[in-house]
PDB file of N, CA and C in Angstrom:
ATOM      1  N   MET A   1     140.278 -43.748 162.531  1.00  0.00           N
ATOM      2  CA  MET A   1     140.731 -43.481 161.136  1.00  0.00           C
ATOM      3  C   MET A   1     140.890 -44.866 160.663  1.00  0.00           C
ATOM      4  N   SER A   2     140.569 -45.189 159.497  1.00  0.00           N
ATOM      5  CA  SER A   2     140.686 -46.439 158.905  1.00  0.00           C
ATOM      6  C   SER A   2     142.168 -46.757 158.549  1.00  0.00           C
ATOM      7  N   ASP A   3     142.484 -48.045 158.221  1.00  0.00           N
ATOM      8  CA  ASP A   3     143.773 -48.398 157.796  1.00  0.00           C
ATOM      9  C   ASP A   3     144.034 -47.681 156.424  1.00  0.00           C
ATOM     10  N   LEU A   4     143.009 -47.535 155.581  1.00  0.00           N
ATOM     11  CA  LEU A   4     143.153 -47.165 154.451  1.00  0.00           C
ATOM     12  C   LEU A   4     143.572 -45.595 154.524  1.00  0.00           C
ATOM     13  N   LEU A   5     142.809 -44.899 155.196  1.00  0.00           N
ATOM     14  CA  LEU A   5     143.428 -43.622 155.398  1.00  0.00           C
ATOM     15  C   LEU A   5     144.694 -43.386 155.947  1.00  0.00           C
ATOM     16  N   SER A   6     145.303 -44.205 156.469  1.00  0.00           N
ATOM     17  CA  SER A   6     146.621 -44.184 156.637  1.00  0.00           C
ATOM     18  C   SER A   6     147.593 -44.107 155.460  1.00  0.00           C
ATOM     19  N   ARG A   7     147.124 -44.478 154.518  1.00  0.00           N
ATOM     20  CA  ARG A   7     147.901 -44.780 153.218  1.00  0.00           C
ATOM     21  C   ARG A   7     147.988 -43.220 152.646  1.00  0.00           C
ATOM     22  N   ILE A   8     147.113 -42.134 152.944  1.00  0.00           N
ATOM     23  CA  ILE A   8     147.088 -40.873 152.593  1.00  0.00           C
ATOM     24  C   ILE A   8     147.928 -39.923 153.613  1.00  0.00           C
ATOM     25  N   THR A   9     148.819 -39.283 152.852  1.00  0.00           N
ATOM     26  CA  THR A   9     149.721 -38.311 153.627  1.00  0.00           C
ATOM     27  C   THR A   9     149.860 -37.067 153.064  1.00  0.00           C
ATOM     28  N   ILE A  10     149.985 -36.000 154.206  1.00  0.00           N
ATOM     29  CA  ILE A  10     150.106 -34.736 153.719  1.00  0.00           C
ATOM     30  C   ILE A  10     151.331 -34.044 154.115  1.00  0.00           C
ATOM     31  N   ASP A  11     152.412 -33.610 153.291  1.00  0.00           N
ATOM     32  CA  ASP A  11     153.714 -33.092 153.546  1.00  0.00           C
ATOM     33  C   ASP A  11     153.774 -31.984 152.884  1.00  0.00           C
ATOM     34  N   PRO A  12     154.377 -30.907 153.311  1.00  0.00           N
ATOM     35  CA  PRO A  12     154.398 -29.707 152.698  1.00  0.00           C
ATOM     36  C   PRO A  12     155.607 -29.677 151.540  1.00  0.00           C
ATOM     37  N   ASP A  13     156.299 -30.703 151.763  1.00  0.00           N
ATOM     38  CA  ASP A  13     157.616 -30.927 150.676  1.00  0.00           C
ATOM     39  C   ASP A  13     157.130 -31.738 149.501  1.00  0.00           C
ATOM     40  N   ILE A  14     155.837 -32.387 149.592  1.00  0.00           N
ATOM     41  CA  ILE A  14     155.480 -33.313 148.682  1.00  0.00           C
ATOM     42  C   ILE A  14     154.178 -32.738 148.040  1.00  0.00           C
ATOM     43  N   CYS A  15     154.204 -32.625 146.739  1.00  0.00           N
ATOM     44  CA  CYS A  15     153.063 -32.091 145.967  1.00  0.00           C
ATOM     45  C   CYS A  15     152.423 -30.867 146.730  1.00  0.00           C
ATOM     46  N   HIS A  16     153.267 -29.908 146.914  1.00  0.00           N
ATOM     47  CA  HIS A  16     152.745 -28.594 147.658  1.00  0.00           C
ATOM     48  C   HIS A  16     151.775 -28.857 148.924  1.00  0.00           C
ATOM     49  N   GLY A  17     152.011 -29.946 149.639  1.00  0.00           N
ATOM     50  CA  GLY A  17     151.261 -30.143 150.703  1.00  0.00           C
ATOM     51  C   GLY A  17     149.642 -30.551 150.499  1.00  0.00           C
ATOM     52  N   LYS A  18     149.690 -31.058 149.226  1.00  0.00           N
ATOM     53  CA  LYS A  18     148.353 -31.649 148.925  1.00  0.00           C
ATOM     54  C   LYS A  18     148.296 -33.172 149.403  1.00  0.00           C
ATOM     55  N   PRO A  19     147.183 -33.762 149.840  1.00  0.00           N
ATOM     56  CA  PRO A  19     147.295 -35.270 150.188  1.00  0.00           C
ATOM     57  C   PRO A  19     147.506 -35.919 149.142  1.00  0.00           C
ATOM     58  N   ALA A  20     148.543 -36.712 149.284  1.00  0.00           N
ATOM     59  CA  ALA A  20     149.235 -37.984 148.272  1.00  0.00           C
ATOM     60  C   ALA A  20     149.220 -39.327 149.040  1.00  0.00           C
ATOM     61  N   ILE A  21     149.691 -40.140 148.103  1.00  0.00           N
ATOM     62  CA  ILE A  21     149.534 -41.431 148.444  1.00  0.00           C
ATOM     63  C   ILE A  21     151.146 -41.864 148.925  1.00  0.00           C
ATOM     64  N   ARG A  22     151.019 -42.215 150.352  1.00  0.00           N
ATOM     65  CA  ARG A  22     152.189 -42.921 151.055  1.00  0.00           C
ATOM     66  C   ARG A  22     153.540 -42.085 150.702  1.00  0.00           C
ATOM     67  N   HIS A  23     153.519 -40.796 150.775  1.00  0.00           N
ATOM     68  CA  HIS A  23     154.522 -39.976 150.686  1.00  0.00           C
ATOM     69  C   HIS A  23     155.192 -40.071 149.200  1.00  0.00           C
ATOM     70  N   LEU A  24     154.512 -40.677 148.491  1.00  0.00           N
ATOM     71  CA  LEU A  24     154.866 -40.690 146.952  1.00  0.00           C
ATOM     72  C   LEU A  24     154.322 -39.264 146.329  1.00  0.00           C
ATOM     73  N   ARG A  25     154.557 -39.182 145.127  1.00  0.00           N
ATOM     74  CA  ARG A  25     154.304 -37.956 144.500  1.00  0.00           C
ATOM     75  C   ARG A  25     153.191 -38.212 143.589  1.00  0.00           C
ATOM     76  N   TYR A  26     152.117 -38.899 144.175  1.00  0.00           N
ATOM     77  CA  TYR A  26     150.961 -38.922 143.563  1.00  0.00           C
ATOM     78  C   TYR A  26     149.897 -38.536 144.190  1.00  0.00           C
ATOM     79  N   PRO A  27     149.312 -37.251 143.873  1.00  0.00           N
ATOM     80  CA  PRO A  27     148.070 -36.620 144.581  1.00  0.00           C
ATOM     81  C   PRO A  27     146.908 -37.403 144.468  1.00  0.00           C
ATOM     82  N   VAL A  28     146.231 -37.333 145.561  1.00  0.00           N
ATOM     83  CA  VAL A  28     144.748 -37.950 145.694  1.00  0.00           C
ATOM     84  C   VAL A  28     144.054 -37.470 144.534  1.00  0.00           C
ATOM     85  N   GLU A  29     144.125 -36.202 144.506  1.00  0.00           N
ATOM     86  CA  GLU A  29     143.086 -35.518 143.586  1.00  0.00           C
ATOM     87  C   GLU A  29     143.415 -35.918 141.970  1.00  0.00           C
ATOM     88  N   SER A  30     144.616 -36.186 141.767  1.00  0.00           N
ATOM     89  CA  SER A  30     145.022 -36.818 140.281  1.00  0.00           C
ATOM     90  C   SER A  30     144.477 -38.286 140.050  1.00  0.00           C
ATOM     91  N   MET A  31     144.831 -38.995 141.166  1.00  0.00           N
ATOM     92  CA  MET A  31     144.129 -40.431 141.169  1.00  0.00           C
ATOM     93  C   MET A  31     142.492 -40.380 140.873  1.00  0.00           C
ATOM     94  N   LEU A  32     141.863 -39.535 141.713  1.00  0.00           N
ATOM     95  CA  LEU A  32     140.496 -39.342 141.542  1.00  0.00           C
ATOM     96  C   LEU A  32     140.059 -38.846 140.032  1.00  0.00           C
ATOM     97  N   GLU A  33     140.838 -37.950 139.442  1.00  0.00           N
ATOM     98  CA  GLU A  33     140.558 -37.473 138.221  1.00  0.00           C
ATOM     99  C   GLU A  33     140.630 -38.561 137.373  1.00  0.00           C
ATOM    100  N   TYR A  34     141.644 -39.327 137.209  1.00  0.00           N
ATOM    101  CA  TYR A  34     141.777 -40.576 136.314  1.00  0.00           C
ATOM    102  C   TYR A  34     140.567 -41.539 136.499  1.00  0.00           C
ATOM    103  N   LEU A  35     140.109 -41.749 137.532  1.00  0.00           N
ATOM    104  CA  LEU A  35     138.923 -42.772 137.973  1.00  0.00           C
ATOM    105  C   LEU A  35     137.810 -42.017 137.396  1.00  0.00           C
ATOM    106  N   VAL A  36     137.577 -40.768 137.279  1.00  0.00           N
ATOM    107  CA  VAL A  36     136.361 -40.171 137.049  1.00  0.00           C
ATOM    108  C   VAL A  36     136.403 -40.067 135.499  1.00  0.00           C
ATOM    109  N   ALA A  37     137.552 -39.972 134.973  1.00  0.00           N
ATOM    110  CA  ALA A  37     137.810 -40.104 133.420  1.00  0.00           C
ATOM    111  C   ALA A  37     137.517 -41.596 132.679  1.00  0.00           C
ATOM    112  N   GLY A  38     137.370 -42.382 133.763  1.00  0.00           N
ATOM    113  CA  GLY A  38     137.202 -43.695 133.155  1.00  0.00           C
ATOM    114  C   GLY A  38     138.141 -44.832 133.452  1.00  0.00           C
ATOM    115  N   ASP A  39     139.316 -44.392 133.707  1.00  0.00           N
ATOM    116  CA  ASP A  39     140.594 -45.405 133.972  1.00  0.00           C
ATOM    117  C   ASP A  39     139.959 -46.253 134.938  1.00  0.00           C
ATOM    118  N   THR A  40     140.268 -47.443 135.050  1.00  0.00           N
ATOM    119  CA  THR A  40     140.081 -48.615 135.968  1.00  0.00           C
ATOM    120  C   THR A  40     141.154 -48.665 137.026  1.00  0.00           C
ATOM    121  N   PHE A  41     140.875 -49.359 138.331  1.00  0.00           N
ATOM    122  CA  PHE A  41     141.903 -49.550 139.093  1.00  0.00           C
ATOM    123  C   PHE A  41     143.177 -50.159 138.474  1.00  0.00           C
ATOM    124  N   GLU A  42     142.543 -51.293 137.553  1.00  0.00           N
ATOM    125  CA  GLU A  42     143.693 -51.983 136.871  1.00  0.00           C
ATOM    126  C   GLU A  42     144.504 -50.989 135.754  1.00  0.00           C
ATOM    127  N   ASP A  43     143.951 -50.188 135.060  1.00  0.00           N
ATOM    128  CA  ASP A  43     144.662 -49.373 134.141  1.00  0.00           C
ATOM    129  C   ASP A  43     145.554 -48.496 135.180  1.00  0.00           C
ATOM    130  N   LEU A  44     145.265 -48.066 136.079  1.00  0.00           N
ATOM    131  CA  LEU A  44     146.273 -47.096 136.950  1.00  0.00           C
ATOM    132  C   LEU A  44     147.254 -48.071 137.508  1.00  0.00           C
ATOM    133  N   LEU A  45     147.057 -49.218 138.010  1.00  0.00           N
ATOM    134  CA  LEU A  45     147.929 -50.006 138.627  1.00  0.00           C
ATOM    135  C   LEU A  45     149.163 -50.519 137.573  1.00  0.00           C
ATOM    136  N   VAL A  46     148.678 -50.678 136.246  1.00  0.00           N
ATOM    137  CA  VAL A  46     149.648 -50.825 135.244  1.00  0.00           C
ATOM    138  C   VAL A  46     150.347 -49.550 134.870  1.00  0.00           C
ATOM    139  N   GLU A  47     149.858 -48.584 134.978  1.00  0.00           N
ATOM    140  CA  GLU A  47     150.517 -47.160 134.583  1.00  0.00           C
ATOM    141  C   GLU A  47     151.337 -46.772 135.543  1.00  0.00           C
ATOM    142  N   PHE A  48     151.082 -47.019 136.805  1.00  0.00           N
ATOM    143  CA  PHE A  48     151.987 -46.835 138.012  1.00  0.00           C
ATOM    144  C   PHE A  48     152.232 -47.836 138.819  1.00  0.00           C
ATOM    145  N   PRO A  49     153.056 -48.722 138.600  1.00  0.00           N
ATOM    146  CA  PRO A  49     153.497 -49.972 139.246  1.00  0.00           C
ATOM    147  C   PRO A  49     153.902 -49.735 140.604  1.00  0.00           C
ATOM    148  N   ASP A  50     154.277 -48.568 140.942  1.00  0.00           N
ATOM    149  CA  ASP A  50     154.469 -48.664 142.479  1.00  0.00           C
ATOM    150  C   ASP A  50     153.194 -48.503 143.547  1.00  0.00           C
ATOM    151  N   LEU A  51     152.222 -48.312 142.849  1.00  0.00           N
ATOM    152  CA  LEU A  51     150.735 -48.202 143.621  1.00  0.00           C
ATOM    153  C   LEU A  51     150.253 -49.557 143.903  1.00  0.00           C
ATOM    154  N   GLU A  52     149.609 -49.653 144.971  1.00  0.00           N
ATOM    155  CA  GLU A  52     148.825 -50.864 145.102  1.00  0.00           C
ATOM    156  C   GLU A  52     147.322 -50.585 145.071  1.00  0.00           C
ATOM    157  N   ARG A  53     146.599 -51.524 144.957  1.00  0.00           N
ATOM    158  CA  ARG A  53     144.991 -51.553 145.045  1.00  0.00           C
ATOM    159  C   ARG A  53     144.600 -50.642 146.211  1.00  0.00           C
ATOM    160  N   ASP A  54     145.147 -50.957 147.382  1.00  0.00           N
ATOM    161  CA  ASP A  54     144.429 -50.100 148.490  1.00  0.00           C
ATOM    162  C   ASP A  54     144.953 -48.596 148.709  1.00  0.00           C
ATOM    163  N   ASP A  55     145.861 -48.380 147.877  1.00  0.00           N
ATOM    164  CA  ASP A  55     146.002 -46.840 147.753  1.00  0.00           C
ATOM    165  C   ASP A  55     144.919 -46.253 146.848  1.00  0.00           C
ATOM    166  N   LEU A  56     144.346 -46.980 145.781  1.00  0.00           N
ATOM    167  CA  LEU A  56     143.350 -46.090 145.049  1.00  0.00           C
ATOM    168  C   LEU A  56     142.133 -46.326 145.891  1.00  0.00           C
ATOM    169  N   ARG A  57     141.872 -47.320 146.739  1.00  0.00           N
ATOM    170  CA  ARG A  57     140.690 -47.392 147.626  1.00  0.00           C
ATOM    171  C   ARG A  57     140.716 -46.212 148.606  1.00  0.00           C
ATOM    172  N   ALA A  58     142.120 -46.041 149.171  1.00  0.00           N
ATOM    173  CA  ALA A  58     142.310 -45.138 150.131  1.00  0.00           C
ATOM    174  C   ALA A  58     141.946 -43.595 149.494  1.00  0.00           C
ATOM    175  N   CYS A  59     142.293 -43.456 148.293  1.00  0.00           N
ATOM    176  CA  CYS A  59     141.820 -42.351 147.614  1.00  0.00           C
ATOM    177  C   CYS A  59     140.423 -41.929 147.764  1.00  0.00           C
ATOM    178  N   LEU A  60     139.581 -43.150 147.386  1.00  0.00           N
ATOM    179  CA  LEU A  60     138.045 -42.921 147.482  1.00  0.00           C
ATOM    180  C   LEU A  60     137.408 -42.813 148.916  1.00  0.00           C
ATOM    181  N   GLU A  61     138.228 -43.633 149.724  1.00  0.00           N
ATOM    182  CA  GLU A  61     137.711 -43.380 151.295  1.00  0.00           C
ATOM    183  C   GLU A  61     138.084 -41.839 151.697  1.00  0.00           C
ATOM    184  N   PHE A  62     139.315 -41.247 151.268  1.00  0.00           N
ATOM    185  CA  PHE A  62     139.625 -39.886 151.482  1.00  0.00           C
ATOM    186  C   PHE A  62     138.661 -38.928 151.060  1.00  0.00           C
ATOM    187  N   ALA A  63     138.141 -39.070 149.972  1.00  0.00           N
ATOM    188  CA  ALA A  63     137.265 -38.193 149.073  1.00  0.00           C
ATOM    189  C   ALA A  63     135.819 -38.331 149.969  1.00  0.00           C
ATOM    190  N   ALA A  64     135.425 -39.644 150.374  1.00  0.00           N
ATOM    191  CA  ALA A  64     134.151 -39.647 151.097  1.00  0.00           C
ATOM    192  C   ALA A  64     134.132 -39.208 152.567  1.00  0.00           C
ATOM    193  N   GLN A  65     135.252 -39.398 153.001  1.00  0.00           N
ATOM    194  CA  GLN A  65     135.398 -38.781 154.340  1.00  0.00           C
ATOM    195  C   GLN A  65     135.390 -37.203 154.418  1.00  0.00           C
ATOM    196  N   SER A  66     136.324 -36.638 153.495  1.00  0.00           N
ATOM    197  CA  SER A  66     136.143 -35.226 153.300  1.00  0.00           C
ATOM    198  C   SER A  66     134.943 -34.666 153.017  1.00  0.00           C
ATOM    199  N   LEU A  67     134.276 -35.146 152.180  1.00  0.00           N
ATOM    200  CA  LEU A  67     132.654 -34.743 152.001  1.00  0.00           C
ATOM    201  C   LEU A  67     131.853 -34.863 153.253  1.00  0.00           C
ATOM    202  N   ARG A  68     131.990 -36.019 153.987  1.00  0.00           N
ATOM    203  CA  ARG A  68     131.425 -36.087 155.339  1.00  0.00           C
ATOM    204  C   ARG A  68     131.887 -34.967 156.300  1.00  0.00           C
ATOM    205  N   LEU A  69     133.068 -34.574 156.470  1.00  0.00           N
ATOM    206  CA  LEU A  69     133.496 -33.761 157.437  1.00  0.00           C
ATOM    207  C   LEU A  69     133.095 -32.152 157.022  1.00  0.00           C
ATOM    208  N   LYS A  70     133.212 -31.872 155.688  1.00  0.00           N
ATOM    209  CA  LYS A  70     132.792 -30.721 155.172  1.00  0.00           C
ATOM    210  C   LYS A  70     131.110 -30.310 155.414  1.00  0.00           C
ATOM    211  N   GLY A  71     130.433 -31.408 155.085  1.00  0.00           N
ATOM    212  CA  GLY A  71     129.018 -31.304 155.549  1.00  0.00           C
ATOM    213  C   GLY A  71     128.395 -30.428 154.627  1.00  0.00           C
ATOM    214  N   GLY A  72     128.940 -29.845 153.503  1.00  0.00           N
ATOM    215  CA  GLY A  72     128.136 -29.102 152.402  1.00  0.00           C
ATOM    216  C   GLY A  72     128.055 -29.870 151.239  1.00  0.00           C
ATOM    217  N   HIS A  73     127.139 -29.590 150.342  1.00  0.00           N
ATOM    218  CA  HIS A  73     126.861 -30.062 149.182  1.00  0.00           C
ATOM    219  C   HIS A  73     127.290 -29.363 147.818  1.00  0.00           C
ATOM    220  N   LEU A  74     127.643 -29.989 146.943  1.00  0.00           N
ATOM    221  CA  LEU A  74     128.046 -29.596 145.628  1.00  0.00           C
ATOM    222  C   LEU A  74     126.785 -28.915 144.838  1.00  0.00           C
ATOM    223  N   ALA A  75     126.793 -27.782 144.561  1.00  0.00           N
ATOM    224  CA  ALA A  75     125.733 -27.250 143.905  1.00  0.00           C
ATOM    225  C   ALA A  75     125.594 -27.499 142.319  1.00  0.00           C
ATOM    226  N   LEU A  76     124.884 -28.311 141.950  1.00  0.00           N
ATOM    227  CA  LEU A  76     124.975 -28.874 140.495  1.00  0.00           C
ATOM    228  C   LEU A  76     123.894 -27.917 139.718  1.00  0.00           C
ATOM    229  N   LYS A  77     124.415 -27.612 138.690  1.00  0.00           N
ATOM    230  CA  LYS A  77     123.449 -26.773 137.705  1.00  0.00           C
ATOM    231  C   LYS A  77     122.942 -27.620 136.673  1.00  0.00           C
TER     232      LYS A  77
END
């Protein structure tokens, strides 16, 4: 497991057990949605000052690893 992935935590008492950043209440899914919507790392770091650049990189790594493990492909129409 990469050092980045150690920043992603899963705790049933935080964010309903969804993967989150460092036991904070920032779900990985939400951070990815911000990035997809066009926000930059810099935008998110200003908006959420308790986050670090490596937290956002960890979200991207988590998504990539999740896709590798799942082995399936998203059906695009």
